[in-house]
Amino acid sequence: MKKKKFTKEERVRYDALLKQMRRYEKEGVEITLSGKRRSPKEIASACAVREHGCYMGDYIWDEKGTLSEIRYDKIGREADGEKKRS
């Protein structure tokens, strides 16, 4: 499978998200995409391209106020299994 090239806008989003995801990973924050653990590259790519819907991050804090997890889940109609109408 050939990788899709990023547009300039997607590349800017991807680079910023990847930097952020790597920092969180280094700090021990668990990061998931649609309920599955994924690499920072996979998450940044999915969120930057928005080819299969948009993702929203849910930041989970522990009782000490430390970020412990980020859950990226698909939002919008396509998240509910409803296809986008043209």
PDB file of N, CA and C in Angstrom:
ATOM      1  N   MET A   1       0.839  -1.183   0.000  1.00  0.00           N
ATOM      2  CA  MET A   1       0.000   0.000   0.000  1.00  0.00           C
ATOM      3  C   MET A   1       0.882   1.244   0.000  1.00  0.00           C
ATOM      4  N   LYS A   2       0.670   2.104  -0.961  1.00  0.00           N
ATOM      5  CA  LYS A   2       1.466   3.316  -1.094  1.00  0.00           C
ATOM      6  C   LYS A   2       0.941   4.408  -0.161  1.00  0.00           C
ATOM      7  N   LYS A   3       1.859   5.082   0.517  1.00  0.00           N
ATOM      8  CA  LYS A   3       1.466   6.144   1.430  1.00  0.00           C
ATOM      9  C   LYS A   3       1.021   7.377   0.658  1.00  0.00           C
ATOM     10  N   LYS A   4      -0.027   8.025   1.168  1.00  0.00           N
ATOM     11  CA  LYS A   4      -0.531   9.261   0.580  1.00  0.00           C
ATOM     12  C   LYS A   4       0.390  10.401   0.992  1.00  0.00           C
ATOM     13  N   LYS A   5       0.689  11.292   0.044  1.00  0.00           N
ATOM     14  CA  LYS A   5       1.491  12.469   0.368  1.00  0.00           C
ATOM     15  C   LYS A   5       0.612  13.492   1.059  1.00  0.00           C
ATOM     16  N   PHE A   6       1.196  14.187   2.029  1.00  0.00           N
ATOM     17  CA  PHE A   6       0.482  15.221   2.755  1.00  0.00           C
ATOM     18  C   PHE A   6       0.424  16.512   1.944  1.00  0.00           C
ATOM     19  N   THR A   7      -0.682  17.245   2.083  1.00  0.00           N
ATOM     20  CA  THR A   7      -0.731  18.602   1.567  1.00  0.00           C
ATOM     21  C   THR A   7       0.096  19.456   2.528  1.00  0.00           C
ATOM     22  N   LYS A   8       0.358  20.705   2.193  1.00  0.00           N
ATOM     23  CA  LYS A   8       1.138  21.578   3.076  1.00  0.00           C
ATOM     24  C   LYS A   8       0.442  21.730   4.424  1.00  0.00           C
ATOM     25  N   GLU A   9      -0.874  21.935   4.390  1.00  0.00           N
ATOM     26  CA  GLU A   9      -1.647  22.092   5.625  1.00  0.00           C
ATOM     27  C   GLU A   9      -1.589  20.824   6.477  1.00  0.00           C
ATOM     28  N   GLU A  10      -1.743  19.667   5.843  1.00  0.00           N
ATOM     29  CA  GLU A  10      -1.669  18.395   6.562  1.00  0.00           C
ATOM     30  C   GLU A  10      -0.284  18.175   7.157  1.00  0.00           C
ATOM     31  N   ARG A  11       0.759  18.549   6.421  1.00  0.00           N
ATOM     32  CA  ARG A  11       2.130  18.376   6.894  1.00  0.00           C
ATOM     33  C   ARG A  11       2.376  19.211   8.144  1.00  0.00           C
ATOM     34  N   VAL A  12       1.883  20.432   8.163  1.00  0.00           N
ATOM     35  CA  VAL A  12       2.050  21.303   9.339  1.00  0.00           C
ATOM     36  C   VAL A  12       1.345  20.681  10.540  1.00  0.00           C
ATOM     37  N   ARG A  13       0.084  20.230  10.339  1.00  0.00           N
ATOM     38  CA  ARG A  13      -0.662  19.583  11.431  1.00  0.00           C
ATOM     39  C   ARG A  13       0.045  18.318  11.901  1.00  0.00           C
ATOM     40  N   TYR A  14       0.487  17.493  10.945  1.00  0.00           N
ATOM     41  CA  TYR A  14       1.161  16.233  11.262  1.00  0.00           C
ATOM     42  C   TYR A  14       2.419  16.476  12.091  1.00  0.00           C
ATOM     43  N   ASP A  15       3.274  17.388  11.641  1.00  0.00           N
ATOM     44  CA  ASP A  15       4.527  17.657  12.349  1.00  0.00           C
ATOM     45  C   ASP A  15       4.280  18.132  13.781  1.00  0.00           C
ATOM     46  N   ALA A  16       3.298  19.028  13.949  1.00  0.00           N
ATOM     47  CA  ALA A  16       2.982  19.546  15.292  1.00  0.00           C
ATOM     48  C   ALA A  16       2.426  18.436  16.181  1.00  0.00           C
ATOM     49  N   LEU A  17       1.507  17.635  15.643  1.00  0.00           N
ATOM     50  CA  LEU A  17       0.927  16.545  16.421  1.00  0.00           C
ATOM     51  C   LEU A  17       1.961  15.478  16.766  1.00  0.00           C
ATOM     52  N   LEU A  18       2.813  15.150  15.815  1.00  0.00           N
ATOM     53  CA  LEU A  18       3.836  14.133  16.061  1.00  0.00           C
ATOM     54  C   LEU A  18       4.780  14.577  17.174  1.00  0.00           C
ATOM     55  N   LYS A  19       5.191  15.820  17.144  1.00  0.00           N
ATOM     56  CA  LYS A  19       6.068  16.354  18.188  1.00  0.00           C
ATOM     57  C   LYS A  19       5.381  16.251  19.554  1.00  0.00           C
ATOM     58  N   GLN A  20       4.116  16.631  19.597  1.00  0.00           N
ATOM     59  CA  GLN A  20       3.344  16.575  20.836  1.00  0.00           C
ATOM     60  C   GLN A  20       3.172  15.125  21.315  1.00  0.00           C
ATOM     61  N   MET A  21       2.810  14.218  20.411  1.00  0.00           N
ATOM     62  CA  MET A  21       2.599  12.812  20.774  1.00  0.00           C
ATOM     63  C   MET A  21       3.887  12.175  21.295  1.00  0.00           C
ATOM     64  N   ARG A  22       5.001  12.478  20.666  1.00  0.00           N
ATOM     65  CA  ARG A  22       6.282  11.926  21.121  1.00  0.00           C
ATOM     66  C   ARG A  22       6.639  12.428  22.513  1.00  0.00           C
ATOM     67  N   ARG A  23       6.334  13.702  22.779  1.00  0.00           N
ATOM     68  CA  ARG A  23       6.609  14.263  24.109  1.00  0.00           C
ATOM     69  C   ARG A  23       5.753  13.550  25.153  1.00  0.00           C
ATOM     70  N   TYR A  24       4.473  13.379  24.862  1.00  0.00           N
ATOM     71  CA  TYR A  24       3.590  12.682  25.795  1.00  0.00           C
ATOM     72  C   TYR A  24       4.038  11.237  26.007  1.00  0.00           C
ATOM     73  N   GLU A  25       4.404  10.562  24.930  1.00  0.00           N
ATOM     74  CA  GLU A  25       4.862   9.178  25.029  1.00  0.00           C
ATOM     75  C   GLU A  25       6.090   9.081  25.938  1.00  0.00           C
ATOM     76  N   LYS A  26       7.016  10.013  25.765  1.00  0.00           N
ATOM     77  CA  LYS A  26       8.229  10.044  26.583  1.00  0.00           C
ATOM     78  C   LYS A  26       7.902  10.244  28.065  1.00  0.00           C
ATOM     79  N   GLU A  27       6.812  10.992  28.335  1.00  0.00           N
ATOM     80  CA  GLU A  27       6.380  11.252  29.715  1.00  0.00           C
ATOM     81  C   GLU A  27       5.564  10.101  30.292  1.00  0.00           C
ATOM     82  N   GLY A  28       5.329   9.054  29.489  1.00  0.00           N
ATOM     83  CA  GLY A  28       4.604   7.885  29.975  1.00  0.00           C
ATOM     84  C   GLY A  28       3.102   7.955  29.834  1.00  0.00           C
ATOM     85  N   VAL A  29       2.612   8.906  29.041  1.00  0.00           N
ATOM     86  CA  VAL A  29       1.169   9.036  28.824  1.00  0.00           C
ATOM     87  C   VAL A  29       0.738   7.982  27.810  1.00  0.00           C
ATOM     88  N   GLU A  30      -0.310   7.227  28.149  1.00  0.00           N
ATOM     89  CA  GLU A  30      -0.844   6.234  27.224  1.00  0.00           C
ATOM     90  C   GLU A  30      -1.726   6.954  26.204  1.00  0.00           C
ATOM     91  N   ILE A  31      -1.514   6.676  24.925  1.00  0.00           N
ATOM     92  CA  ILE A  31      -2.272   7.340  23.866  1.00  0.00           C
ATOM     93  C   ILE A  31      -2.968   6.273  23.023  1.00  0.00           C
ATOM     94  N   THR A  32      -4.282   6.440  22.851  1.00  0.00           N
ATOM     95  CA  THR A  32      -5.048   5.477  22.064  1.00  0.00           C
ATOM     96  C   THR A  32      -5.806   6.198  20.946  1.00  0.00           C
ATOM     97  N   LEU A  33      -6.113   5.442  19.914  1.00  0.00           N
ATOM     98  CA  LEU A  33      -6.890   5.933  18.777  1.00  0.00           C
ATOM     99  C   LEU A  33      -8.013   4.936  18.557  1.00  0.00           C
ATOM    100  N   SER A  34      -9.244   5.391  18.727  1.00  0.00           N
ATOM    101  CA  SER A  34     -10.428   4.529  18.596  1.00  0.00           C
ATOM    102  C   SER A  34     -10.317   3.280  19.471  1.00  0.00           C
ATOM    103  N   GLY A  35      -9.812   3.473  20.682  1.00  0.00           N
ATOM    104  CA  GLY A  35      -9.736   2.394  21.662  1.00  0.00           C
ATOM    105  C   GLY A  35      -8.531   1.484  21.558  1.00  0.00           C
ATOM    106  N   LYS A  36      -7.632   1.729  20.605  1.00  0.00           N
ATOM    107  CA  LYS A  36      -6.458   0.869  20.431  1.00  0.00           C
ATOM    108  C   LYS A  36      -5.188   1.689  20.585  1.00  0.00           C
ATOM    109  N   ARG A  37      -4.218   1.107  21.240  1.00  0.00           N
ATOM    110  CA  ARG A  37      -2.929   1.770  21.391  1.00  0.00           C
ATOM    111  C   ARG A  37      -2.254   1.848  20.029  1.00  0.00           C
ATOM    112  N   ARG A  38      -1.798   3.031  19.660  1.00  0.00           N
ATOM    113  CA  ARG A  38      -1.150   3.258  18.361  1.00  0.00           C
ATOM    114  C   ARG A  38       0.133   4.047  18.564  1.00  0.00           C
ATOM    115  N   SER A  39       0.977   4.048  17.556  1.00  0.00           N
ATOM    116  CA  SER A  39       2.226   4.796  17.625  1.00  0.00           C
ATOM    117  C   SER A  39       1.932   6.281  17.427  1.00  0.00           C
ATOM    118  N   PRO A  40       2.825   7.148  17.899  1.00  0.00           N
ATOM    119  CA  PRO A  40       2.642   8.583  17.666  1.00  0.00           C
ATOM    120  C   PRO A  40       2.476   8.912  16.179  1.00  0.00           C
ATOM    121  N   LYS A  41       3.204   8.222  15.303  1.00  0.00           N
ATOM    122  CA  LYS A  41       3.094   8.472  13.864  1.00  0.00           C
ATOM    123  C   LYS A  41       1.699   8.138  13.344  1.00  0.00           C
ATOM    124  N   GLU A  42       1.141   7.004  13.791  1.00  0.00           N
ATOM    125  CA  GLU A  42      -0.187   6.601  13.337  1.00  0.00           C
ATOM    126  C   GLU A  42      -1.257   7.598  13.795  1.00  0.00           C
ATOM    127  N   ILE A  43      -1.145   8.041  15.042  1.00  0.00           N
ATOM    128  CA  ILE A  43      -2.126   8.982  15.572  1.00  0.00           C
ATOM    129  C   ILE A  43      -2.016  10.331  14.877  1.00  0.00           C
ATOM    130  N   ALA A  44      -0.794  10.835  14.729  1.00  0.00           N
ATOM    131  CA  ALA A  44      -0.595  12.126  14.065  1.00  0.00           C
ATOM    132  C   ALA A  44      -1.092  12.077  12.623  1.00  0.00           C
ATOM    133  N   SER A  45      -0.847  10.987  11.947  1.00  0.00           N
ATOM    134  CA  SER A  45      -1.282  10.842  10.560  1.00  0.00           C
ATOM    135  C   SER A  45      -2.805  10.844  10.461  1.00  0.00           C
ATOM    136  N   ALA A  46      -3.470  10.061  11.302  1.00  0.00           N
ATOM    137  CA  ALA A  46      -4.932   9.982  11.269  1.00  0.00           C
ATOM    138  C   ALA A  46      -5.567  11.331  11.585  1.00  0.00           C
ATOM    139  N   CYS A  47      -5.022  12.024  12.540  1.00  0.00           N
ATOM    140  CA  CYS A  47      -5.597  13.313  12.946  1.00  0.00           C
ATOM    141  C   CYS A  47      -5.282  14.420  11.953  1.00  0.00           C
ATOM    142  N   ALA A  48      -4.123  14.380  11.337  1.00  0.00           N
ATOM    143  CA  ALA A  48      -3.719  15.434  10.406  1.00  0.00           C
ATOM    144  C   ALA A  48      -4.450  15.331   9.074  1.00  0.00           C
ATOM    145  N   VAL A  49      -4.614  14.128   8.568  1.00  0.00           N
ATOM    146  CA  VAL A  49      -5.185  13.934   7.240  1.00  0.00           C
ATOM    147  C   VAL A  49      -6.707  14.057   7.251  1.00  0.00           C
ATOM    148  N   ARG A  50      -7.345  13.561   8.275  1.00  0.00           N
ATOM    149  CA  ARG A  50      -8.807  13.628   8.409  1.00  0.00           C
ATOM    150  C   ARG A  50      -9.522  12.962   7.240  1.00  0.00           C
ATOM    151  N   GLU A  51      -8.877  11.978   6.646  1.00  0.00           N
ATOM    152  CA  GLU A  51      -9.447  11.292   5.495  1.00  0.00           C
ATOM    153  C   GLU A  51     -10.657  10.439   5.878  1.00  0.00           C
ATOM    154  N   HIS A  52     -10.619   9.868   7.047  1.00  0.00           N
ATOM    155  CA  HIS A  52     -11.689   8.977   7.489  1.00  0.00           C
ATOM    156  C   HIS A  52     -12.446   9.568   8.671  1.00  0.00           C
ATOM    157  N   GLY A  53     -12.615  10.880   8.696  1.00  0.00           N
ATOM    158  CA  GLY A  53     -13.318  11.549   9.776  1.00  0.00           C
ATOM    159  C   GLY A  53     -12.364  12.339  10.653  1.00  0.00           C
ATOM    160  N   CYS A  54     -12.933  13.066  11.586  1.00  0.00           N
ATOM    161  CA  CYS A  54     -12.139  13.877  12.506  1.00  0.00           C
ATOM    162  C   CYS A  54     -12.033  13.176  13.849  1.00  0.00           C
ATOM    163  N   TYR A  55     -10.936  13.416  14.525  1.00  0.00           N
ATOM    164  CA  TYR A  55     -10.709  12.826  15.833  1.00  0.00           C
ATOM    165  C   TYR A  55     -10.604  13.928  16.880  1.00  0.00           C
ATOM    166  N   MET A  56     -11.103  13.617  18.078  1.00  0.00           N
ATOM    167  CA  MET A  56     -11.030  14.553  19.185  1.00  0.00           C
ATOM    168  C   MET A  56     -10.311  13.860  20.334  1.00  0.00           C
ATOM    169  N   GLY A  57      -9.379  14.582  20.947  1.00  0.00           N
ATOM    170  CA  GLY A  57      -8.639  14.034  22.069  1.00  0.00           C
ATOM    171  C   GLY A  57      -9.359  14.264  23.386  1.00  0.00           C
ATOM    172  N   ASP A  58      -9.469  13.205  24.178  1.00  0.00           N
ATOM    173  CA  ASP A  58     -10.036  13.282  25.518  1.00  0.00           C
ATOM    174  C   ASP A  58      -8.873  13.084  26.485  1.00  0.00           C
ATOM    175  N   TYR A  59      -8.534  14.127  27.222  1.00  0.00           N
ATOM    176  CA  TYR A  59      -7.379  14.097  28.109  1.00  0.00           C
ATOM    177  C   TYR A  59      -7.810  13.613  29.488  1.00  0.00           C
ATOM    178  N   ILE A  60      -7.167  12.541  29.970  1.00  0.00           N
ATOM    179  CA  ILE A  60      -7.511  11.908  31.237  1.00  0.00           C
ATOM    180  C   ILE A  60      -6.412  12.218  32.261  1.00  0.00           C
ATOM    181  N   TRP A  61      -6.841  12.770  33.399  1.00  0.00           N
ATOM    182  CA  TRP A  61      -5.910  13.167  34.463  1.00  0.00           C
ATOM    183  C   TRP A  61      -6.074  12.230  35.649  1.00  0.00           C
ATOM    184  N   ASP A  62      -4.974  11.907  36.326  1.00  0.00           N
ATOM    185  CA  ASP A  62      -5.072  11.071  37.516  1.00  0.00           C
ATOM    186  C   ASP A  62      -5.431  11.925  38.731  1.00  0.00           C
ATOM    187  N   GLU A  63      -5.556  11.291  39.887  1.00  0.00           N
ATOM    188  CA  GLU A  63      -5.970  11.998  41.098  1.00  0.00           C
ATOM    189  C   GLU A  63      -4.962  13.035  41.574  1.00  0.00           C
ATOM    190  N   LYS A  64      -3.733  12.960  41.103  1.00  0.00           N
ATOM    191  CA  LYS A  64      -2.700  13.936  41.463  1.00  0.00           C
ATOM    192  C   LYS A  64      -2.663  15.115  40.500  1.00  0.00           C
ATOM    193  N   GLY A  65      -3.488  15.065  39.465  1.00  0.00           N
ATOM    194  CA  GLY A  65      -3.515  16.143  38.480  1.00  0.00           C
ATOM    195  C   GLY A  65      -2.499  15.979  37.367  1.00  0.00           C
ATOM    196  N   THR A  66      -1.990  14.755  37.186  1.00  0.00           N
ATOM    197  CA  THR A  66      -1.017  14.457  36.145  1.00  0.00           C
ATOM    198  C   THR A  66      -1.727  13.817  34.953  1.00  0.00           C
ATOM    199  N   LEU A  67      -1.378  14.274  33.768  1.00  0.00           N
ATOM    200  CA  LEU A  67      -1.957  13.694  32.562  1.00  0.00           C
ATOM    201  C   LEU A  67      -1.519  12.240  32.470  1.00  0.00           C
ATOM    202  N   SER A  68      -2.488  11.316  32.384  1.00  0.00           N
ATOM    203  CA  SER A  68      -2.144   9.898  32.352  1.00  0.00           C
ATOM    204  C   SER A  68      -2.513   9.216  31.039  1.00  0.00           C
ATOM    205  N   GLU A  69      -3.481   9.791  30.319  1.00  0.00           N
ATOM    206  CA  GLU A  69      -3.932   9.133  29.091  1.00  0.00           C
ATOM    207  C   GLU A  69      -4.591  10.146  28.164  1.00  0.00           C
ATOM    208  N   ILE A  70      -4.450   9.907  26.860  1.00  0.00           N
ATOM    209  CA  ILE A  70      -5.163  10.683  25.854  1.00  0.00           C
ATOM    210  C   ILE A  70      -5.870   9.674  24.957  1.00  0.00           C
ATOM    211  N   ARG A  71      -7.175   9.843  24.830  1.00  0.00           N
ATOM    212  CA  ARG A  71      -7.964   8.946  23.984  1.00  0.00           C
ATOM    213  C   ARG A  71      -8.499   9.738  22.797  1.00  0.00           C
ATOM    214  N   TYR A  72      -8.023   9.387  21.605  1.00  0.00           N
ATOM    215  CA  TYR A  72      -8.519  10.025  20.386  1.00  0.00           C
ATOM    216  C   TYR A  72      -9.645   9.161  19.825  1.00  0.00           C
ATOM    217  N   ASP A  73     -10.819   9.778  19.698  1.00  0.00           N
ATOM    218  CA  ASP A  73     -11.974   9.070  19.159  1.00  0.00           C
ATOM    219  C   ASP A  73     -12.560   9.856  18.001  1.00  0.00           C
ATOM    220  N   LYS A  74     -13.102   9.108  17.040  1.00  0.00           N
ATOM    221  CA  LYS A  74     -13.722   9.716  15.870  1.00  0.00           C
ATOM    222  C   LYS A  74     -14.981  10.448  16.314  1.00  0.00           C
ATOM    223  N   ILE A  75     -15.202  11.624  15.743  1.00  0.00           N
ATOM    224  CA  ILE A  75     -16.399  12.401  16.070  1.00  0.00           C
ATOM    225  C   ILE A  75     -17.184  12.691  14.806  1.00  0.00           C
ATOM    226  N   GLY A  76     -18.436  13.023  14.953  1.00  0.00           N
ATOM    227  CA  GLY A  76     -19.288  13.352  13.819  1.00  0.00           C
ATOM    228  C   GLY A  76     -20.110  12.169  13.368  1.00  0.00           C
ATOM    229  N   ARG A  77     -20.824  12.359  12.278  1.00  0.00           N
ATOM    230  CA  ARG A  77     -21.714  11.324  11.751  1.00  0.00           C
ATOM    231  C   ARG A  77     -21.016  10.015  11.444  1.00  0.00           C
ATOM    232  N   GLU A  78     -19.834  10.091  10.847  1.00  0.00           N
ATOM    233  CA  GLU A  78     -19.134   8.879  10.445  1.00  0.00           C
ATOM    234  C   GLU A  78     -18.717   8.043  11.640  1.00  0.00           C
ATOM    235  N   ALA A  79     -18.589   8.651  12.822  1.00  0.00           N
ATOM    236  CA  ALA A  79     -18.243   7.919  14.034  1.00  0.00           C
ATOM    237  C   ALA A  79     -19.390   7.001  14.434  1.00  0.00           C
ATOM    238  N   ASP A  80     -20.606   7.373  14.097  1.00  0.00           N
ATOM    239  CA  ASP A  80     -21.780   6.590  14.446  1.00  0.00           C
ATOM    240  C   ASP A  80     -22.107   5.547  13.377  1.00  0.00           C
ATOM    241  N   GLY A  81     -21.253   5.414  12.377  1.00  0.00           N
ATOM    242  CA  GLY A  81     -21.485   4.444  11.314  1.00  0.00           C
ATOM    243  C   GLY A  81     -22.326   4.983  10.175  1.00  0.00           C
ATOM    244  N   GLU A  82     -22.711   6.237  10.246  1.00  0.00           N
ATOM    245  CA  GLU A  82     -23.517   6.856   9.196  1.00  0.00           C
ATOM    246  C   GLU A  82     -22.593   7.435   8.139  1.00  0.00           C
ATOM    247  N   LYS A  83     -22.817   7.103   6.910  1.00  0.00           N
ATOM    248  CA  LYS A  83     -21.987   7.605   5.826  1.00  0.00           C
ATOM    249  C   LYS A  83     -22.324   9.053   5.518  1.00  0.00           C
ATOM    250  N   LYS A  84     -21.269   9.805   5.155  1.00  0.00           N
ATOM    251  CA  LYS A  84     -21.448  11.200   4.780  1.00  0.00           C
ATOM    252  C   LYS A  84     -22.180  11.278   3.443  1.00  0.00           C
ATOM    253  N   ARG A  85     -23.137  12.180   3.389  1.00  0.00           N
ATOM    254  CA  ARG A  85     -23.896  12.355   2.145  1.00  0.00           C
ATOM    255  C   ARG A  85     -23.269  13.441   1.305  1.00  0.00           C
ATOM    256  N   SER A  86     -23.277  13.234  -0.010  1.00  0.00           N
ATOM    257  CA  SER A  86     -22.701  14.224  -0.934  1.00  0.00           C
ATOM    258  C   SER A  86     -23.689  15.293  -1.261  1.00  0.00           C
TER     259      SER A  86
END
